Protein backbone atom coordinates (compact mmCIF):
# COMPACT_ATOMS: atom_id res chain seq x y z
CA MET A 1 112.98 -265.19 124.94
CA LEU A 2 114.42 -264.99 128.54
CA ALA A 3 116.90 -262.34 127.77
CA SER A 4 114.23 -260.18 125.91
CA LEU A 5 112.04 -260.37 128.97
CA LYS A 6 115.03 -259.29 131.30
CA THR A 7 115.69 -256.50 129.09
CA GLN A 8 111.84 -255.59 128.98
CA VAL A 9 111.84 -255.58 132.70
CA ALA A 10 115.06 -253.37 132.86
CA LEU A 11 113.79 -250.87 130.40
CA THR A 12 110.70 -250.55 132.30
CA VAL A 13 112.07 -250.00 135.62
CA GLY A 14 114.70 -247.71 134.03
CA SER A 15 112.11 -245.54 132.52
CA LEU A 16 109.95 -245.43 135.76
CA ALA A 17 113.27 -244.01 137.50
CA LEU A 18 113.83 -241.35 134.68
CA GLY A 19 110.17 -240.24 134.68
CA LEU A 20 110.47 -239.83 138.46
CA LEU A 21 113.70 -237.99 137.94
CA GLY A 22 112.34 -235.53 135.20
CA ALA A 23 109.24 -234.77 137.33
CA ALA A 24 111.30 -233.86 140.46
CA THR A 25 113.65 -231.33 138.23
CA GLN A 26 110.59 -229.83 137.15
CA ALA A 27 109.27 -228.46 140.47
CA THR A 28 109.00 -224.78 140.92
CA ALA A 29 110.08 -222.78 143.82
CA ALA A 30 106.67 -222.70 144.87
CA ASP A 31 106.67 -226.28 145.02
CA GLN A 32 109.43 -226.20 147.36
CA THR A 33 107.87 -225.35 150.48
CA PRO A 34 108.67 -227.67 153.51
CA THR A 35 106.21 -230.44 154.48
CA ALA A 36 105.85 -232.54 157.22
CA ALA A 37 107.79 -235.70 157.12
CA PRO A 38 105.86 -238.94 156.00
CA THR A 39 104.12 -240.62 158.51
CA ALA A 40 104.71 -244.80 159.20
CA HIS A 41 101.31 -245.29 157.52
CA GLN A 42 102.22 -243.10 154.58
CA THR A 43 105.66 -244.88 153.81
CA SER A 44 104.34 -248.38 154.11
CA GLY A 45 102.07 -248.79 151.05
CA ALA A 46 103.22 -249.66 147.57
CA THR A 47 102.56 -245.96 146.57
CA ALA A 48 105.00 -244.62 149.06
CA TYR A 49 108.68 -243.92 148.74
CA THR A 50 110.45 -246.93 147.41
CA LYS A 51 113.02 -248.82 149.45
CA TYR A 52 115.52 -251.00 147.99
CA GLY A 53 117.05 -254.77 148.13
CA ARG A 54 119.89 -256.55 146.23
CA VAL A 55 119.67 -259.88 144.47
CA THR A 56 121.93 -262.23 146.33
CA ALA A 57 121.10 -265.48 144.36
CA ASN A 58 124.03 -266.32 141.85
CA THR A 59 121.39 -267.06 139.19
CA GLY A 60 119.14 -264.06 139.97
CA VAL A 61 115.80 -264.30 140.92
CA TRP A 62 112.35 -264.71 139.25
CA ILE A 63 109.60 -262.01 139.62
CA ARG A 64 106.30 -263.68 140.37
CA SER A 65 102.67 -262.29 140.06
CA ARG A 66 102.12 -263.58 143.70
CA PRO A 67 104.32 -264.57 146.72
CA THR A 68 104.51 -268.23 145.67
CA THR A 69 106.30 -270.11 143.06
CA HIS A 70 102.84 -271.64 141.77
CA SER A 71 102.26 -268.25 139.93
CA THR A 72 103.00 -266.79 136.78
CA VAL A 73 106.72 -265.68 136.08
CA LEU A 74 106.59 -262.04 135.08
CA GLY A 75 110.25 -261.65 134.57
CA SER A 76 113.68 -261.78 136.46
CA PHE A 77 116.38 -259.94 137.88
CA ARG A 78 120.00 -260.84 137.51
CA SER A 79 122.36 -261.55 140.41
CA GLY A 80 123.53 -258.06 142.40
CA ALA A 81 120.88 -256.09 140.93
CA LYS A 82 119.40 -253.40 143.09
CA ILE A 83 115.59 -253.56 143.00
CA PRO A 84 112.84 -251.38 144.18
CA LEU A 85 110.81 -252.79 147.10
CA ALA A 86 107.48 -251.45 148.49
CA CYS A 87 106.54 -253.89 151.24
CA LYS A 88 106.90 -257.39 152.59
CA ALA A 89 104.26 -260.30 153.44
CA TYR A 90 104.40 -263.95 154.26
CA GLY A 91 104.18 -266.49 151.37
CA GLN A 92 105.49 -269.60 150.21
CA LYS A 93 108.38 -271.00 152.15
CA ILE A 94 111.72 -270.98 150.20
CA ASP A 95 114.67 -272.73 151.70
CA GLY A 96 113.10 -271.81 155.14
CA VAL A 97 112.27 -268.26 154.54
CA ARG A 98 108.59 -267.24 154.33
CA ILE A 99 109.05 -263.52 153.35
CA TRP A 100 108.46 -262.46 150.14
CA TYR A 101 108.74 -258.58 148.62
CA LYS A 102 106.43 -256.41 146.70
CA LEU A 103 108.25 -254.72 144.07
CA GLY A 104 108.16 -250.79 144.40
CA HIS A 105 106.69 -250.43 141.07
CA GLY A 106 103.98 -252.29 141.97
CA SER A 107 104.30 -255.32 139.71
CA GLY A 108 105.21 -258.54 141.33
CA TRP A 109 106.91 -260.41 143.88
CA VAL A 110 110.28 -261.73 144.90
CA THR A 111 111.16 -264.16 147.47
CA GLY A 112 113.10 -263.10 150.18
CA ARG A 113 115.37 -265.88 150.29
CA TYR A 114 117.42 -264.30 147.47
CA VAL A 115 117.09 -260.52 148.16
CA LYS A 116 118.66 -258.84 150.92
CA ASN A 117 117.01 -255.66 151.96
CA LEU A 118 118.98 -252.57 152.02
CA ASN A 119 116.55 -250.55 154.28
CA PRO A 120 113.69 -251.45 156.60
CA ILE A 121 110.80 -252.78 154.69
CA ALA A 122 107.34 -252.30 156.18
CA TRP A 123 104.73 -255.01 156.26
CA CYS A 124 102.12 -255.10 153.20
CA ARG A 125 98.70 -253.79 154.43
């Protein structure tokens, strides 16, 4: 059951990435006009471009519906997985760490105790 849930999460994340890649390759020359760089406000929300983290726990990390272990488990990521992160917030303390990361695809949270952010991550608003 857990393996199929992991597979389902991996397929969802992969499909999202492929969809974004396909949309980017369909841009026309008219769409290629230069635009201003995103502001801090634009890059801090869940809909802004995605930052990444790496799962550091040998056993992987659970995806939760809220930033607490008392919430529903939505899935998991394996050890070493590169995962999309939208923003960070305080939640339940896990081994002395209160930071939790909201996933970049907007569904779920992972504890900062077992995820190393690969980019600076903004606070959730």
